[in-house]
N, C-alpha and C. Protein backbone atom coordinates (compact mmCIF):
# COMPACT_ATOMS: atom_id res chain seq x y z
N MET A 1 86.34 195.22 178.90
CA MET A 1 87.46 194.48 178.64
C MET A 1 88.70 194.81 178.58
N ASP A 2 89.96 195.22 179.05
CA ASP A 2 91.08 195.15 179.18
C ASP A 2 92.42 193.75 178.89
N ILE A 3 93.25 194.11 177.90
CA ILE A 3 93.80 193.37 177.66
C ILE A 3 95.04 192.96 178.22
N GLU A 4 96.14 192.92 178.93
CA GLU A 4 97.23 193.10 179.47
C GLU A 4 97.28 192.25 179.15
N THR A 5 99.08 192.27 178.78
CA THR A 5 100.73 191.22 178.68
C THR A 5 101.08 191.17 179.97
N LEU A 6 100.96 189.42 180.01
CA LEU A 6 101.89 189.44 181.50
C LEU A 6 102.76 189.75 181.07
N PRO A 7 103.92 189.92 182.23
CA PRO A 7 105.42 190.02 182.50
C PRO A 7 105.70 188.53 182.27
N SER A 8 107.08 188.35 181.60
CA SER A 8 107.11 187.21 181.83
C SER A 8 108.38 185.85 182.85
N ASP A 9 108.25 186.75 183.98
CA ASP A 9 107.73 186.59 185.95
C ASP A 9 106.79 186.17 186.65
N TYR A 10 105.58 186.08 185.73
CA TYR A 10 104.41 186.31 186.48
C TYR A 10 104.16 184.38 186.89
N ASP A 11 103.69 184.45 188.17
CA ASP A 11 103.19 183.35 188.92
C ASP A 11 101.99 182.81 188.68
N LEU A 12 101.54 181.33 188.09
CA LEU A 12 100.52 181.47 187.62
C LEU A 12 99.76 181.27 188.52
N LYS A 13 100.04 180.38 190.20
CA LYS A 13 98.96 180.44 190.60
C LYS A 13 99.46 181.16 191.87
N GLU A 14 99.94 182.81 191.96
CA GLU A 14 99.17 183.59 192.18
C GLU A 14 98.42 184.14 191.28
N LEU A 15 98.23 185.02 190.10
CA LEU A 15 96.89 185.11 189.70
C LEU A 15 96.18 184.33 189.19
N GLU A 16 96.03 183.38 189.45
CA GLU A 16 94.63 182.49 189.26
C GLU A 16 94.27 182.77 191.11
N THR A 17 94.97 182.31 191.75
CA THR A 17 94.13 182.23 193.55
C THR A 17 93.64 184.33 193.49
N ALA A 18 94.54 185.28 192.89
CA ALA A 18 93.64 186.39 192.98
C ALA A 18 92.74 186.49 191.92
N GLY A 19 92.79 185.51 191.17
CA GLY A 19 90.95 185.88 190.27
C GLY A 19 89.72 185.32 191.07
N ARG A 20 89.88 184.24 191.48
CA ARG A 20 89.48 183.83 192.02
C ARG A 20 88.34 183.69 193.16
N ASP A 21 89.56 184.88 194.52
CA ASP A 21 89.12 185.65 195.24
C ASP A 21 88.05 187.53 194.57
N ASP A 22 88.51 187.45 193.19
CA ASP A 22 87.51 188.73 192.91
C ASP A 22 86.81 187.69 192.48
N LEU A 23 86.40 186.99 192.56
CA LEU A 23 85.67 186.05 191.69
C LEU A 23 84.44 185.84 192.80
N ALA A 24 84.69 185.22 194.16
CA ALA A 24 84.19 185.35 195.07
C ALA A 24 83.18 186.36 195.22
N LYS A 25 83.53 187.54 195.23
CA LYS A 25 83.68 188.77 195.55
C LYS A 25 81.65 187.90 194.94
N ALA A 26 81.26 187.93 193.93
CA ALA A 26 80.94 187.96 192.58
C ALA A 26 78.96 186.88 193.53
N GLY A 27 79.89 185.32 193.93
CA GLY A 27 79.46 184.67 193.94
C GLY A 27 80.25 183.16 194.26
N THR A 28 80.06 181.79 193.51
CA THR A 28 80.57 180.86 194.31
C THR A 28 81.35 180.98 192.64
N VAL A 29 82.96 180.00 193.01
CA VAL A 29 82.80 179.46 191.53
C VAL A 29 83.65 178.29 191.39
N SER A 30 83.33 177.89 190.12
CA SER A 30 83.44 176.84 189.44
C SER A 30 84.36 176.98 188.53
N ASP A 31 85.72 175.05 188.75
CA ASP A 31 86.51 175.31 188.19
C ASP A 31 86.08 173.99 186.47
N TYR A 32 85.68 174.12 185.33
CA TYR A 32 85.27 173.42 184.83
C TYR A 32 86.50 173.48 183.48
N SER A 33 87.96 173.33 184.02
CA SER A 33 88.58 172.30 183.28
C SER A 33 89.16 171.50 182.21
N GLY A 34 89.59 171.00 181.58
CA GLY A 34 90.17 169.93 180.63
C GLY A 34 88.95 169.28 180.23
N GLU A 35 89.09 167.86 180.46
CA GLU A 35 88.03 166.39 181.02
C GLU A 35 86.85 167.08 180.60
N LEU A 36 86.73 167.57 181.18
CA LEU A 36 85.04 167.51 181.88
C LEU A 36 84.36 168.47 180.70
N ILE A 37 85.00 168.40 179.69
CA ILE A 37 84.01 170.12 178.32
C ILE A 37 84.76 169.48 177.51
N LYS A 38 83.85 168.70 176.38
CA LYS A 38 84.33 167.77 175.14
C LYS A 38 84.51 168.90 174.39
N HIS A 39 85.13 170.12 173.72
CA HIS A 39 85.04 171.04 172.84
C HIS A 39 86.19 171.04 172.25
N PRO A 40 87.21 171.86 171.47
CA PRO A 40 88.58 172.25 170.54
C PRO A 40 88.88 173.02 171.70
N LEU A 41 88.12 173.27 172.51
CA LEU A 41 89.13 173.62 173.61
C LEU A 41 88.59 173.52 175.19
N GLY A 42 89.40 172.15 174.61
CA GLY A 42 88.35 171.52 175.97
C GLY A 42 90.20 171.85 176.76
N PHE A 43 91.39 171.85 176.34
CA PHE A 43 92.65 172.05 177.11
C PHE A 43 92.06 173.17 178.04
N ALA A 44 91.51 174.07 177.33
CA ALA A 44 91.44 175.24 178.24
C ALA A 44 90.92 175.73 180.24
N GLU A 45 91.37 176.12 180.68
CA GLU A 45 90.84 176.41 181.66
C GLU A 45 89.58 177.68 182.11
N LEU A 46 88.45 176.26 182.36
CA LEU A 46 86.92 177.92 182.59
C LEU A 46 86.94 177.13 184.08
N SER A 47 86.62 179.13 183.66
CA SER A 47 85.83 178.98 184.97
C SER A 47 84.25 179.41 185.08
N THR A 48 83.42 179.61 186.13
CA THR A 48 82.39 180.57 186.08
C THR A 48 81.88 180.86 187.33
N VAL A 49 81.24 182.17 187.84
CA VAL A 49 80.51 182.18 188.28
C VAL A 49 79.14 182.35 188.40
N GLN A 50 78.57 181.95 190.05
CA GLN A 50 77.56 181.91 190.54
C GLN A 50 77.02 183.16 191.29
N VAL A 51 75.79 183.60 190.58
CA VAL A 51 75.69 185.25 191.10
C VAL A 51 74.81 185.05 192.12
N GLU A 52 74.85 185.41 193.71
CA GLU A 52 73.63 184.62 194.48
C GLU A 52 73.15 185.31 194.75
């Protein structure tokens, strides 16, 4: 896995859309962000991919 620094002017919505499009190639994308997860990182945005 490569981790890269985002530019200061990145568009979060555009990045999310591109990520969802990439993940959708592998299956159904679900978003379990925020309130649904009771965890110290409950504020984190979490996504899953169900491989078909």
